[in-house]
Full PDB file with SEQRES, HELIX, SHEET, SSBOND, CRYST1, ORIGX, SCALE, CONECT and MASTER records, all heavy atoms in Angstrom:
SEQRES   1 A   36  VAL LEU LEU VAL THR LEU GLY PRO GLU LYS ALA ALA GLY          
SEQRES   2 A   36  ILE LEU LYS HIS MET SER ASP GLU GLU ILE GLU LYS LEU          
SEQRES   3 A   36  THR LEU GLU LEU ALA LYS ILE ASP LYS VAL                      
HELIX    1 AA1 LEU A    2  LEU A    6  1                                   5    
HELIX    2 AA2 PRO A    8  LEU A   15  1                                   8    
HELIX    3 AA3 ASP A   20  LYS A   32  1                                  13    
CRYST1    1.000    1.000    1.000  90.00  90.00  90.00 P 1           1          
ORIGX1      1.000000  0.000000  0.000000        0.00000                         
ORIGX2      0.000000  1.000000  0.000000        0.00000                         
ORIGX3      0.000000  0.000000  1.000000        0.00000                         
SCALE1      1.000000  0.000000  0.000000        0.00000                         
SCALE2      0.000000  1.000000  0.000000        0.00000                         
SCALE3      0.000000  0.000000  1.000000        0.00000                         
ATOM      1  N   VAL A   1      -3.154   6.055   0.154  1.00  0.00           N  
ATOM      2  CA  VAL A   1      -4.181   6.476   1.112  1.00  0.00           C  
ATOM      3  C   VAL A   1      -5.285   5.431   1.196  1.00  0.00           C  
ATOM      4  O   VAL A   1      -5.788   5.123   2.286  1.00  0.00           O  
ATOM      5  CB  VAL A   1      -4.766   7.855   0.708  1.00  0.00           C  
ATOM      6  CG1 VAL A   1      -6.003   8.183   1.550  1.00  0.00           C  
ATOM      7  CG2 VAL A   1      -3.725   8.944   0.865  1.00  0.00           C  
ATOM      8  N   LEU A   2      -5.653   4.876   0.070  1.00  0.00           N  
ATOM      9  CA  LEU A   2      -6.680   3.839   0.055  1.00  0.00           C  
ATOM     10  C   LEU A   2      -6.232   2.627   0.870  1.00  0.00           C  
ATOM     11  O   LEU A   2      -7.003   2.085   1.670  1.00  0.00           O  
ATOM     12  CB  LEU A   2      -6.993   3.422  -1.377  1.00  0.00           C  
ATOM     13  CG  LEU A   2      -7.981   2.258  -1.533  1.00  0.00           C  
ATOM     14  CD1 LEU A   2      -9.342   2.627  -0.964  1.00  0.00           C  
ATOM     15  CD2 LEU A   2      -8.105   1.852  -2.998  1.00  0.00           C  
ATOM     16  N   LEU A   3      -4.977   2.205   0.697  1.00  0.00           N  
ATOM     17  CA  LEU A   3      -4.468   1.047   1.429  1.00  0.00           C  
ATOM     18  C   LEU A   3      -4.458   1.297   2.931  1.00  0.00           C  
ATOM     19  O   LEU A   3      -4.807   0.417   3.722  1.00  0.00           O  
ATOM     20  CB  LEU A   3      -3.056   0.684   0.948  1.00  0.00           C  
ATOM     21  CG  LEU A   3      -2.938   0.166  -0.493  1.00  0.00           C  
ATOM     22  CD1 LEU A   3      -1.492  -0.181  -0.802  1.00  0.00           C  
ATOM     23  CD2 LEU A   3      -3.818  -1.048  -0.709  1.00  0.00           C  
ATOM     24  N   VAL A   4      -4.050   2.501   3.317  1.00  0.00           N  
ATOM     25  CA  VAL A   4      -4.045   2.857   4.744  1.00  0.00           C  
ATOM     26  C   VAL A   4      -5.470   2.818   5.294  1.00  0.00           C  
ATOM     27  O   VAL A   4      -5.724   2.331   6.400  1.00  0.00           O  
ATOM     28  CB  VAL A   4      -3.418   4.249   4.951  1.00  0.00           C  
ATOM     29  CG1 VAL A   4      -3.632   4.718   6.392  1.00  0.00           C  
ATOM     30  CG2 VAL A   4      -1.935   4.208   4.636  1.00  0.00           C  
ATOM     31  N   THR A   5      -6.400   3.329   4.501  1.00  0.00           N  
ATOM     32  CA  THR A   5      -7.795   3.387   4.933  1.00  0.00           C  
ATOM     33  C   THR A   5      -8.403   1.990   5.069  1.00  0.00           C  
ATOM     34  O   THR A   5      -9.180   1.730   5.989  1.00  0.00           O  
ATOM     35  CB  THR A   5      -8.627   4.213   3.928  1.00  0.00           C  
ATOM     36  OG1 THR A   5      -8.022   5.505   3.756  1.00  0.00           O  
ATOM     37  CG2 THR A   5     -10.054   4.398   4.413  1.00  0.00           C  
ATOM     38  N   LEU A   6      -8.042   1.098   4.175  1.00  0.00           N  
ATOM     39  CA  LEU A   6      -8.595  -0.249   4.205  1.00  0.00           C  
ATOM     40  C   LEU A   6      -8.029  -1.104   5.334  1.00  0.00           C  
ATOM     41  O   LEU A   6      -8.662  -2.066   5.764  1.00  0.00           O  
ATOM     42  CB  LEU A   6      -8.336  -0.955   2.864  1.00  0.00           C  
ATOM     43  CG  LEU A   6      -9.080  -0.394   1.646  1.00  0.00           C  
ATOM     44  CD1 LEU A   6      -8.642  -1.112   0.382  1.00  0.00           C  
ATOM     45  CD2 LEU A   6     -10.591  -0.512   1.828  1.00  0.00           C  
ATOM     46  N   GLY A   7      -6.825  -0.765   5.792  1.00  0.00           N  
ATOM     47  CA  GLY A   7      -6.215  -1.537   6.872  1.00  0.00           C  
ATOM     48  C   GLY A   7      -5.230  -2.575   6.354  1.00  0.00           C  
ATOM     49  O   GLY A   7      -5.263  -2.950   5.175  1.00  0.00           O  
ATOM     50  N   PRO A   8      -4.340  -3.073   7.223  1.00  0.00           N  
ATOM     51  CA  PRO A   8      -3.241  -3.966   6.818  1.00  0.00           C  
ATOM     52  C   PRO A   8      -3.689  -5.249   6.129  1.00  0.00           C  
ATOM     53  O   PRO A   8      -3.111  -5.650   5.121  1.00  0.00           O  
ATOM     54  CB  PRO A   8      -2.547  -4.293   8.156  1.00  0.00           C  
ATOM     55  CG  PRO A   8      -2.936  -3.189   9.069  1.00  0.00           C  
ATOM     56  CD  PRO A   8      -4.307  -2.771   8.662  1.00  0.00           C  
ATOM     57  N   GLU A   9      -4.712  -5.908   6.648  1.00  0.00           N  
ATOM     58  CA  GLU A   9      -5.115  -7.204   6.103  1.00  0.00           C  
ATOM     59  C   GLU A   9      -5.643  -7.089   4.675  1.00  0.00           C  
ATOM     60  O   GLU A   9      -5.225  -7.818   3.780  1.00  0.00           O  
ATOM     61  CB  GLU A   9      -6.187  -7.831   7.002  1.00  0.00           C  
ATOM     62  CG  GLU A   9      -6.526  -9.268   6.610  1.00  0.00           C  
ATOM     63  CD  GLU A   9      -7.481  -9.926   7.601  1.00  0.00           C  
ATOM     64  OE1 GLU A   9      -7.552  -9.473   8.760  1.00  0.00           O  
ATOM     65  OE2 GLU A   9      -8.147 -10.890   7.190  1.00  0.00           O  
ATOM     66  N   LYS A  10      -6.560  -6.151   4.453  1.00  0.00           N  
ATOM     67  CA  LYS A  10      -7.111  -5.969   3.113  1.00  0.00           C  
ATOM     68  C   LYS A  10      -6.066  -5.394   2.157  1.00  0.00           C  
ATOM     69  O   LYS A  10      -6.032  -5.748   0.975  1.00  0.00           O  
ATOM     70  CB  LYS A  10      -8.334  -5.058   3.165  1.00  0.00           C  
ATOM     71  CG  LYS A  10      -9.524  -5.683   3.878  1.00  0.00           C  
ATOM     72  CD  LYS A  10     -10.719  -4.743   3.904  1.00  0.00           C  
ATOM     73  CE  LYS A  10     -11.911  -5.403   4.629  1.00  0.00           C  
ATOM     74  NZ  LYS A  10     -13.070  -4.502   4.707  1.00  0.00           N  
ATOM     75  N   ALA A  11      -5.205  -4.526   2.690  1.00  0.00           N  
ATOM     76  CA  ALA A  11      -4.147  -3.938   1.863  1.00  0.00           C  
ATOM     77  C   ALA A  11      -3.200  -5.030   1.366  1.00  0.00           C  
ATOM     78  O   ALA A  11      -2.782  -5.030   0.205  1.00  0.00           O  
ATOM     79  CB  ALA A  11      -3.376  -2.891   2.652  1.00  0.00           C  
ATOM     80  N   ALA A  12      -2.868  -5.970   2.244  1.00  0.00           N  
ATOM     81  CA  ALA A  12      -1.977  -7.067   1.862  1.00  0.00           C  
ATOM     82  C   ALA A  12      -2.605  -7.912   0.761  1.00  0.00           C  
ATOM     83  O   ALA A  12      -1.920  -8.361  -0.173  1.00  0.00           O  
ATOM     84  CB  ALA A  12      -1.670  -7.939   3.085  1.00  0.00           C  
ATOM     85  N   GLY A  13      -3.913  -8.124   0.847  1.00  0.00           N  
ATOM     86  CA  GLY A  13      -4.608  -8.896  -0.177  1.00  0.00           C  
ATOM     87  C   GLY A  13      -4.554  -8.220  -1.538  1.00  0.00           C  
ATOM     88  O   GLY A  13      -4.436  -8.888  -2.567  1.00  0.00           O  
ATOM     89  N   ILE A  14      -4.622  -6.894  -1.539  1.00  0.00           N  
ATOM     90  CA  ILE A  14      -4.554  -6.132  -2.792  1.00  0.00           C  
ATOM     91  C   ILE A  14      -3.147  -6.177  -3.377  1.00  0.00           C  
ATOM     92  O   ILE A  14      -2.956  -6.366  -4.578  1.00  0.00           O  
ATOM     93  CB  ILE A  14      -4.986  -4.665  -2.552  1.00  0.00           C  
ATOM     94  CG1 ILE A  14      -6.475  -4.621  -2.196  1.00  0.00           C  
ATOM     95  CG2 ILE A  14      -4.701  -3.812  -3.786  1.00  0.00           C  
ATOM     96  CD1 ILE A  14      -6.975  -3.252  -1.806  1.00  0.00           C  
ATOM     97  N   LEU A  15      -2.135  -6.044  -2.516  1.00  0.00           N  
ATOM     98  CA  LEU A  15      -0.744  -6.031  -2.980  1.00  0.00           C  
ATOM     99  C   LEU A  15      -0.346  -7.333  -3.651  1.00  0.00           C  
ATOM    100  O   LEU A  15       0.523  -7.357  -4.521  1.00  0.00           O  
ATOM    101  CB  LEU A  15       0.192  -5.749  -1.803  1.00  0.00           C  
ATOM    102  CG  LEU A  15       0.175  -4.320  -1.246  1.00  0.00           C  
ATOM    103  CD1 LEU A  15       1.031  -4.221   0.003  1.00  0.00           C  
ATOM    104  CD2 LEU A  15       0.667  -3.323  -2.295  1.00  0.00           C  
ATOM    105  N   LYS A  16      -0.985  -8.441  -3.277  1.00  0.00           N  
ATOM    106  CA  LYS A  16      -0.660  -9.733  -3.859  1.00  0.00           C  
ATOM    107  C   LYS A  16      -0.918  -9.759  -5.366  1.00  0.00           C  
ATOM    108  O   LYS A  16      -0.323 -10.548  -6.098  1.00  0.00           O  
ATOM    109  CB  LYS A  16      -1.480 -10.840  -3.195  1.00  0.00           C  
ATOM    110  CG  LYS A  16      -1.060 -11.156  -1.763  1.00  0.00           C  
ATOM    111  CD  LYS A  16      -1.952 -12.245  -1.173  1.00  0.00           C  
ATOM    112  CE  LYS A  16      -1.571 -12.536   0.272  1.00  0.00           C  
ATOM    113  NZ  LYS A  16      -2.464 -13.563   0.887  1.00  0.00           N  
ATOM    114  N   HIS A  17      -1.820  -8.896  -5.813  1.00  0.00           N  
ATOM    115  CA  HIS A  17      -2.198  -8.890  -7.228  1.00  0.00           C  
ATOM    116  C   HIS A  17      -1.443  -7.830  -8.025  1.00  0.00           C  
ATOM    117  O   HIS A  17      -1.744  -7.604  -9.199  1.00  0.00           O  
ATOM    118  CB  HIS A  17      -3.705  -8.647  -7.365  1.00  0.00           C  
ATOM    119  CG  HIS A  17      -4.544  -9.700  -6.699  1.00  0.00           C  
ATOM    120  ND1 HIS A  17      -4.763 -10.931  -7.264  1.00  0.00           N  
ATOM    121  CD2 HIS A  17      -5.180  -9.717  -5.495  1.00  0.00           C  
ATOM    122  CE1 HIS A  17      -5.516 -11.661  -6.458  1.00  0.00           C  
ATOM    123  NE2 HIS A  17      -5.786 -10.945  -5.384  1.00  0.00           N  
ATOM    124  N   MET A  18      -0.459  -7.190  -7.409  1.00  0.00           N  
ATOM    125  CA  MET A  18       0.285  -6.122  -8.081  1.00  0.00           C  
ATOM    126  C   MET A  18       1.680  -6.583  -8.492  1.00  0.00           C  
ATOM    127  O   MET A  18       2.222  -7.538  -7.937  1.00  0.00           O  
ATOM    128  CB  MET A  18       0.398  -4.899  -7.159  1.00  0.00           C  
ATOM    129  CG  MET A  18      -0.923  -4.198  -6.899  1.00  0.00           C  
ATOM    130  SD  MET A  18      -0.694  -2.687  -5.939  1.00  0.00           S  
ATOM    131  CE  MET A  18      -2.329  -1.971  -6.019  1.00  0.00           C  
ATOM    132  N   SER A  19       2.252  -5.881  -9.454  1.00  0.00           N  
ATOM    133  CA  SER A  19       3.609  -6.190  -9.906  1.00  0.00           C  
ATOM    134  C   SER A  19       4.620  -5.648  -8.895  1.00  0.00           C  
ATOM    135  O   SER A  19       4.294  -4.809  -8.044  1.00  0.00           O  
ATOM    136  CB  SER A  19       3.869  -5.551 -11.272  1.00  0.00           C  
ATOM    137  OG  SER A  19       3.853  -4.131 -11.158  1.00  0.00           O  
ATOM    138  N   ASP A  20       5.855  -6.124  -9.001  1.00  0.00           N  
ATOM    139  CA  ASP A  20       6.912  -5.665  -8.093  1.00  0.00           C  
ATOM    140  C   ASP A  20       7.133  -4.157  -8.214  1.00  0.00           C  
ATOM    141  O   ASP A  20       7.364  -3.475  -7.216  1.00  0.00           O  
ATOM    142  CB  ASP A  20       8.234  -6.401  -8.402  1.00  0.00           C  
ATOM    143  CG  ASP A  20       8.156  -7.879  -8.042  1.00  0.00           C  
ATOM    144  OD1 ASP A  20       7.250  -8.243  -7.257  1.00  0.00           O  
ATOM    145  OD2 ASP A  20       8.999  -8.652  -8.527  1.00  0.00           O  
ATOM    146  N   GLU A  21       7.048  -3.652  -9.449  1.00  0.00           N  
ATOM    147  CA  GLU A  21       7.248  -2.219  -9.669  1.00  0.00           C  
ATOM    148  C   GLU A  21       6.152  -1.399  -8.986  1.00  0.00           C  
ATOM    149  O   GLU A  21       6.432  -0.372  -8.345  1.00  0.00           O  
ATOM    150  CB  GLU A  21       7.256  -1.926 -11.172  1.00  0.00           C  
ATOM    151  CG  GLU A  21       7.549  -0.461 -11.503  1.00  0.00           C  
ATOM    152  CD  GLU A  21       7.552  -0.208 -13.003  1.00  0.00           C  
ATOM    153  OE1 GLU A  21       7.456  -1.191 -13.768  1.00  0.00           O  
ATOM    154  OE2 GLU A  21       7.653   0.974 -13.388  1.00  0.00           O  
ATOM    155  N   GLU A  22       4.910  -1.869  -9.107  1.00  0.00           N  
ATOM    156  CA  GLU A  22       3.797  -1.168  -8.470  1.00  0.00           C  
ATOM    157  C   GLU A  22       3.910  -1.206  -6.949  1.00  0.00           C  
ATOM    158  O   GLU A  22       3.655  -0.211  -6.268  1.00  0.00           O  
ATOM    159  CB  GLU A  22       2.474  -1.791  -8.915  1.00  0.00           C  
ATOM    160  CG  GLU A  22       2.131  -1.539 -10.370  1.00  0.00           C  
ATOM    161  CD  GLU A  22       0.954  -2.365 -10.850  1.00  0.00           C  
ATOM    162  OE1 GLU A  22       0.735  -3.466 -10.298  1.00  0.00           O  
ATOM    163  OE2 GLU A  22       0.247  -1.918 -11.767  1.00  0.00           O  
ATOM    164  N   ILE A  23       4.314  -2.359  -6.426  1.00  0.00           N  
ATOM    165  CA  ILE A  23       4.477  -2.481  -4.971  1.00  0.00           C  
ATOM    166  C   ILE A  23       5.574  -1.556  -4.472  1.00  0.00           C  
ATOM    167  O   ILE A  23       5.451  -0.923  -3.413  1.00  0.00           O  
ATOM    168  CB  ILE A  23       4.801  -3.953  -4.603  1.00  0.00           C  
ATOM    169  CG1 ILE A  23       3.582  -4.845  -4.884  1.00  0.00           C  
ATOM    170  CG2 ILE A  23       5.206  -4.065  -3.132  1.00  0.00           C  
ATOM    171  CD1 ILE A  23       3.844  -6.313  -4.684  1.00  0.00           C  
ATOM    172  N   GLU A  24       6.650  -1.444  -5.258  1.00  0.00           N  
ATOM    173  CA  GLU A  24       7.754  -0.570  -4.865  1.00  0.00           C  
ATOM    174  C   GLU A  24       7.304   0.886  -4.795  1.00  0.00           C  
ATOM    175  O   GLU A  24       7.612   1.610  -3.831  1.00  0.00           O  
ATOM    176  CB  GLU A  24       8.899  -0.721  -5.869  1.00  0.00           C  
ATOM    177  CG  GLU A  24      10.135   0.093  -5.502  1.00  0.00           C  
ATOM    178  CD  GLU A  24      11.269  -0.092  -6.490  1.00  0.00           C  
ATOM    179  OE1 GLU A  24      11.244  -1.088  -7.246  1.00  0.00           O  
ATOM    180  OE2 GLU A  24      12.174   0.752  -6.499  1.00  0.00           O  
ATOM    181  N   LYS A  25       6.538   1.331  -5.797  1.00  0.00           N  
ATOM    182  CA  LYS A  25       6.044   2.717  -5.797  1.00  0.00           C  
ATOM    183  C   LYS A  25       5.112   2.973  -4.620  1.00  0.00           C  
ATOM    184  O   LYS A  25       5.202   4.015  -3.957  1.00  0.00           O  
ATOM    185  CB  LYS A  25       5.306   3.004  -7.115  1.00  0.00           C  
ATOM    186  CG  LYS A  25       6.212   3.110  -8.330  1.00  0.00           C  
ATOM    187  CD  LYS A  25       5.404   3.422  -9.574  1.00  0.00           C  
ATOM    188  CE  LYS A  25       6.301   3.532 -10.797  1.00  0.00           C  
ATOM    189  NZ  LYS A  25       5.526   3.813 -12.030  1.00  0.00           N  
ATOM    190  N   LEU A  26       4.244   2.013  -4.358  1.00  0.00           N  
ATOM    191  CA  LEU A  26       3.307   2.180  -3.250  1.00  0.00           C  
ATOM    192  C   LEU A  26       4.015   2.170  -1.901  1.00  0.00           C  
ATOM    193  O   LEU A  26       3.646   2.897  -0.990  1.00  0.00           O  
ATOM    194  CB  LEU A  26       2.253   1.063  -3.291  1.00  0.00           C  
ATOM    195  CG  LEU A  26       1.066   1.309  -4.220  1.00  0.00           C  
ATOM    196  CD1 LEU A  26       0.163   0.089  -4.263  1.00  0.00           C  
ATOM    197  CD2 LEU A  26       0.269   2.522  -3.772  1.00  0.00           C  
ATOM    198  N   THR A  27       5.046   1.354  -1.788  1.00  0.00           N  
ATOM    199  CA  THR A  27       5.808   1.286  -0.535  1.00  0.00           C  
ATOM    200  C   THR A  27       6.455   2.629  -0.227  1.00  0.00           C  
ATOM    201  O   THR A  27       6.470   3.087   0.919  1.00  0.00           O  
ATOM    202  CB  THR A  27       6.881   0.187  -0.611  1.00  0.00           C  
ATOM    203  OG1 THR A  27       6.246  -1.069  -0.875  1.00  0.00           O  
ATOM    204  CG2 THR A  27       7.647   0.088   0.699  1.00  0.00           C  
ATOM    205  N   LEU A  28       6.985   3.268  -1.275  1.00  0.00           N  
ATOM    206  CA  LEU A  28       7.603   4.594  -1.087  1.00  0.00           C  
ATOM    207  C   LEU A  28       6.567   5.614  -0.620  1.00  0.00           C  
ATOM    208  O   LEU A  28       6.840   6.441   0.259  1.00  0.00           O  
ATOM    209  CB  LEU A  28       8.244   5.061  -2.400  1.00  0.00           C  
ATOM    210  CG  LEU A  28       9.492   4.290  -2.854  1.00  0.00           C  
ATOM    211  CD1 LEU A  28       9.936   4.751  -4.233  1.00  0.00           C  
ATOM    212  CD2 LEU A  28      10.628   4.505  -1.845  1.00  0.00           C  
ATOM    213  N   GLU A  29       5.370   5.556  -1.217  1.00  0.00           N  
ATOM    214  CA  GLU A  29       4.313   6.483  -0.818  1.00  0.00           C  
ATOM    215  C   GLU A  29       3.837   6.200   0.605  1.00  0.00           C  
ATOM    216  O   GLU A  29       3.584   7.119   1.389  1.00  0.00           O  
ATOM    217  CB  GLU A  29       3.131   6.381  -1.791  1.00  0.00           C  
ATOM    218  CG  GLU A  29       3.387   6.977  -3.160  1.00  0.00           C  
ATOM    219  CD  GLU A  29       3.621   8.478  -3.113  1.00  0.00           C  
ATOM    220  OE1 GLU A  29       3.098   9.141  -2.186  1.00  0.00           O  
ATOM    221  OE2 GLU A  29       4.352   8.980  -3.975  1.00  0.00           O  
ATOM    222  N   LEU A  30       3.710   4.921   0.931  1.00  0.00           N  
ATOM    223  CA  LEU A  30       3.273   4.554   2.283  1.00  0.00           C  
ATOM    224  C   LEU A  30       4.271   5.034   3.328  1.00  0.00           C  
ATOM    225  O   LEU A  30       3.893   5.432   4.445  1.00  0.00           O  
ATOM    226  CB  LEU A  30       3.094   3.032   2.386  1.00  0.00           C  
ATOM    227  CG  LEU A  30       1.867   2.454   1.672  1.00  0.00           C  
ATOM    228  CD1 LEU A  30       1.963   0.937   1.574  1.00  0.00           C  
ATOM    229  CD2 LEU A  30       0.591   2.853   2.403  1.00  0.00           C  
ATOM    230  N   ALA A  31       5.555   4.972   2.952  1.00  0.00           N  
ATOM    231  CA  ALA A  31       6.588   5.402   3.903  1.00  0.00           C  
ATOM    232  C   ALA A  31       6.514   6.902   4.180  1.00  0.00           C  
ATOM    233  O   ALA A  31       6.927   7.374   5.252  1.00  0.00           O  
ATOM    234  CB  ALA A  31       7.970   5.039   3.355  1.00  0.00           C  
ATOM    235  N   LYS A  32       5.984   7.669   3.221  1.00  0.00           N  
ATOM    236  CA  LYS A  32       5.891   9.127   3.383  1.00  0.00           C  
ATOM    237  C   LYS A  32       4.690   9.529   4.241  1.00  0.00           C  
ATOM    238  O   LYS A  32       4.642  10.640   4.760  1.00  0.00           O  
ATOM    239  CB  LYS A  32       5.753   9.798   2.007  1.00  0.00           C  
ATOM    240  CG  LYS A  32       6.946   9.603   1.087  1.00  0.00           C  
ATOM    241  CD  LYS A  32       6.650  10.229  -0.271  1.00  0.00           C  
ATOM    242  CE  LYS A  32       7.736   9.934  -1.282  1.00  0.00           C  
ATOM    243  NZ  LYS A  32       7.406  10.502  -2.620  1.00  0.00           N  
ATOM    244  N   ILE A  33       3.717   8.624   4.341  1.00  0.00           N  
ATOM    245  CA  ILE A  33       2.475   8.969   5.030  1.00  0.00           C  
ATOM    246  C   ILE A  33       2.655   8.874   6.542  1.00  0.00           C  
ATOM    247  O   ILE A  33       3.110   7.861   7.064  1.00  0.00           O  
ATOM    248  CB  ILE A  33       1.316   8.042   4.583  1.00  0.00           C  
ATOM    249  CG1 ILE A  33       0.995   8.290   3.108  1.00  0.00           C  
ATOM    250  CG2 ILE A  33       0.072   8.278   5.434  1.00  0.00           C  
ATOM    251  CD1 ILE A  33      -0.078   7.379   2.554  1.00  0.00           C  
ATOM    252  N   ASP A  34       2.322   9.940   7.229  1.00  0.00           N  
ATOM    253  CA  ASP A  34       2.374   9.950   8.692  1.00  0.00           C  
ATOM    254  C   ASP A  34       0.970   9.735   9.232  1.00  0.00           C  
ATOM    255  O   ASP A  34       0.676   8.735   9.882  1.00  0.00           O  
ATOM    256  CB  ASP A  34       2.949  11.280   9.184  1.00  0.00           C  
ATOM    257  CG  ASP A  34       3.059  11.297  10.710  1.00  0.00           C  
ATOM    258  OD1 ASP A  34       3.044  10.212  11.314  1.00  0.00           O  
ATOM    259  OD2 ASP A  34       3.153  12.399  11.275  1.00  0.00           O  
ATOM    260  N   LYS A  35       0.096  10.661   8.927  1.00  0.00           N  
ATOM    261  CA  LYS A  35      -1.291  10.558   9.343  1.00  0.00           C  
ATOM    262  C   LYS A  35      -2.181  11.027   8.205  1.00  0.00           C  
ATOM    263  O   LYS A  35      -1.921  12.053   7.580  1.00  0.00           O  
ATOM    264  CB  LYS A  35      -1.529  11.424  10.586  1.00  0.00           C  
ATOM    265  CG  LYS A  35      -2.947  11.317  11.134  1.00  0.00           C  
ATOM    266  CD  LYS A  35      -3.116  12.174  12.386  1.00  0.00           C  
ATOM    267  CE  LYS A  35      -4.539  12.063  12.929  1.00  0.00           C  
ATOM    268  NZ  LYS A  35      -4.738  12.903  14.127  1.00  0.00           N  
ATOM    269  N   VAL A  36      -3.224  10.267   7.920  1.00  0.00           N  
ATOM    270  CA  VAL A  36      -4.133  10.605   6.836  1.00  0.00           C  
ATOM    271  C   VAL A  36      -5.355  11.320   7.401  1.00  0.00           C  
ATOM    272  O   VAL A  36      -6.091  10.751   8.208  1.00  0.00           O  
ATOM    273  CB  VAL A  36      -4.603   9.337   6.077  1.00  0.00           C  
ATOM    274  CG1 VAL A  36      -5.523   9.727   4.922  1.00  0.00           C  
ATOM    275  CG2 VAL A  36      -3.406   8.557   5.559  1.00  0.00           C  
TER     276      VAL A  36                                                      
MASTER        0    0    0    3    0    0    0    6  275    1    0    3          
END                                                                             
């Protein structure tokens, strides 16, 4: 939800500092989100 709220550009900057496992978990959650 935080990544969606921050927007694509800032979200991408945050993901760069995460591990592959963390990115995978977040990607699954992002895919479930329709509207926040």
